[in-house]
C-alpha atoms as a PDB file:
ATOM      1  CA  UNK A   1     -98.145 204.356 145.201  1.00  0.00           C
ATOM      2  CA  UNK A   2     -99.295 201.716 147.698  1.00  0.00           C
ATOM      3  CA  UNK A   3     -97.590 203.438 150.650  1.00  0.00           C
ATOM      4  CA  UNK A   4     -99.279 206.745 149.777  1.00  0.00           C
ATOM      5  CA  UNK A   5    -102.650 205.008 149.479  1.00  0.00           C
ATOM      6  CA  UNK A   6    -102.094 203.422 152.907  1.00  0.00           C
ATOM      7  CA  UNK A   7    -101.551 206.960 154.266  1.00  0.00           C
ATOM      8  CA  UNK A   8    -104.941 208.083 152.905  1.00  0.00           C
ATOM      9  CA  UNK A   9    -103.699 209.812 149.733  1.00  0.00           C
ATOM     10  CA  UNK A  10    -104.854 209.200 146.172  1.00  0.00           C
ATOM     11  CA  UNK A  11    -101.641 209.319 144.109  1.00  0.00           C
ATOM     12  CA  UNK A  12    -101.541 209.584 140.343  1.00  0.00           C
ATOM     13  CA  UNK A  13     -98.485 207.486 139.540  1.00  0.00           C
ATOM     14  CA  UNK A  14     -96.658 207.675 136.200  1.00  0.00           C
ATOM     15  CA  UNK A  15     -96.086 203.906 136.123  1.00  0.00           C
ATOM     16  CA  UNK A  16     -99.872 203.426 136.112  1.00  0.00           C
ATOM     17  CA  UNK A  17    -100.535 205.658 133.058  1.00  0.00           C
ATOM     18  CA  UNK A  18    -101.717 204.167 129.786  1.00  0.00           C
ATOM     19  CA  UNK A  19     -99.173 204.326 126.988  1.00  0.00           C
ATOM     20  CA  UNK A  20     -99.958 207.278 124.711  1.00  0.00           C
ATOM     21  CA  UNK A  21     -98.955 207.508 121.040  1.00  0.00           C
ATOM     22  CA  UNK A  22     -97.410 210.982 120.843  1.00  0.00           C
ATOM     23  CA  UNK A  23     -96.343 214.153 122.638  1.00  0.00           C
ATOM     24  CA  UNK A  24     -99.634 216.026 122.093  1.00  0.00           C
ATOM     25  CA  UNK A  25    -101.745 213.143 123.422  1.00  0.00           C
ATOM     26  CA  UNK A  26     -99.424 212.605 126.390  1.00  0.00           C
ATOM     27  CA  UNK A  27     -99.425 216.309 127.274  1.00  0.00           C
ATOM     28  CA  UNK A  28    -103.226 216.409 127.130  1.00  0.00           C
ATOM     29  CA  UNK A  29    -103.504 213.268 129.307  1.00  0.00           C
ATOM     30  CA  UNK A  30    -101.036 214.638 131.858  1.00  0.00           C
ATOM     31  CA  UNK A  31    -102.857 217.971 132.001  1.00  0.00           C
ATOM     32  CA  UNK A  32    -106.170 216.199 132.649  1.00  0.00           C
ATOM     33  CA  UNK A  33    -104.676 213.972 135.359  1.00  0.00           C
ATOM     34  CA  UNK A  34    -102.765 216.764 137.095  1.00  0.00           C
ATOM     35  CA  UNK A  35    -105.662 219.230 137.021  1.00  0.00           C
ATOM     36  CA  UNK A  36    -107.392 217.260 139.798  1.00  0.00           C
ATOM     37  CA  UNK A  37    -104.237 217.004 141.923  1.00  0.00           C
ATOM     38  CA  UNK A  38    -103.417 219.171 144.937  1.00  0.00           C
ATOM     39  CA  UNK A  39     -99.675 219.004 144.267  1.00  0.00           C
ATOM     40  CA  UNK A  40     -97.001 217.399 142.101  1.00  0.00           C
ATOM     41  CA  UNK A  41     -94.068 215.357 143.406  1.00  0.00           C
ATOM     42  CA  UNK A  42     -91.158 214.957 140.956  1.00  0.00           C
ATOM     43  CA  UNK A  43     -88.490 212.411 141.787  1.00  0.00           C
ATOM     44  CA  UNK A  44     -85.270 213.768 140.314  1.00  0.00           C
ATOM     45  CA  UNK A  45     -82.152 211.690 139.666  1.00  0.00           C
ATOM     46  CA  UNK A  46     -78.815 211.851 137.903  1.00  0.00           C
ATOM     47  CA  UNK A  47     -80.086 210.499 134.565  1.00  0.00           C
ATOM     48  CA  UNK A  48     -82.457 211.802 131.923  1.00  0.00           C
ATOM     49  CA  UNK A  49     -85.614 209.683 132.004  1.00  0.00           C
ATOM     50  CA  UNK A  50     -87.956 208.415 129.336  1.00  0.00           C
ATOM     51  CA  UNK A  51     -89.561 210.945 127.039  1.00  0.00           C
ATOM     52  CA  UNK A  52     -92.552 210.973 124.685  1.00  0.00           C
ATOM     53  CA  UNK A  53     -92.071 210.386 120.992  1.00  0.00           C
ATOM     54  CA  UNK A  54     -92.997 212.750 118.166  1.00  0.00           C
ATOM     55  CA  UNK A  55     -92.364 216.200 119.628  1.00  0.00           C
ATOM     56  CA  UNK A  56     -93.799 218.949 117.436  1.00  0.00           C
ATOM     57  CA  UNK A  57     -91.399 220.976 115.301  1.00  0.00           C
ATOM     58  CA  UNK A  58     -89.700 223.587 117.478  1.00  0.00           C
ATOM     59  CA  UNK A  59     -90.820 221.824 120.681  1.00  0.00           C
ATOM     60  CA  UNK A  60     -87.965 221.188 123.130  1.00  0.00           C
ATOM     61  CA  UNK A  61     -87.449 217.551 124.112  1.00  0.00           C
ATOM     62  CA  UNK A  62     -88.425 216.858 127.720  1.00  0.00           C
ATOM     63  CA  UNK A  63     -88.779 213.775 129.892  1.00  0.00           C
ATOM     64  CA  UNK A  64     -92.119 212.785 131.381  1.00  0.00           C
ATOM     65  CA  UNK A  65     -90.952 214.154 134.736  1.00  0.00           C
ATOM     66  CA  UNK A  66     -90.028 217.483 133.154  1.00  0.00           C
ATOM     67  CA  UNK A  67     -93.458 217.662 131.511  1.00  0.00           C
ATOM     68  CA  UNK A  68     -95.169 216.928 134.837  1.00  0.00           C
ATOM     69  CA  UNK A  69     -93.099 219.661 136.486  1.00  0.00           C
ATOM     70  CA  UNK A  70     -94.040 222.210 133.790  1.00  0.00           C
ATOM     71  CA  UNK A  71     -97.721 221.289 133.903  1.00  0.00           C
ATOM     72  CA  UNK A  72     -97.772 221.434 137.710  1.00  0.00           C
ATOM     73  CA  UNK A  73     -96.386 224.979 137.513  1.00  0.00           C
ATOM     74  CA  UNK A  74     -98.848 225.908 134.739  1.00  0.00           C
ATOM     75  CA  UNK A  75    -101.722 224.689 136.939  1.00  0.00           C
ATOM     76  CA  UNK A  76    -100.347 226.665 139.931  1.00  0.00           C
ATOM     77  CA  UNK A  77     -99.942 223.512 142.014  1.00  0.00           C
ATOM     78  CA  UNK A  78     -97.208 223.160 144.604  1.00  0.00           C
ATOM     79  CA  UNK A  79     -94.382 221.184 142.982  1.00  0.00           C
ATOM     80  CA  UNK A  80     -92.113 219.192 145.289  1.00  0.00           C
ATOM     81  CA  UNK A  81     -88.711 218.136 143.957  1.00  0.00           C
END
């Protein structure tokens, strides 16, 4: 995040998010944070990352990065992988 700030950007960095108690709260928080963003950058690797707890019945498990990707698409933001 510091490098992006030095370049004049205002990043919203996952590591700086407050811990949220459940999937619904996390999804709502991510939607609020991403709604002000011009784009979403998802860093993709070979391993499945951390995921929220307490998914609703019938809700597919997804990592935080997968949720950010989906919400970026839902908000019609450019998503960079």
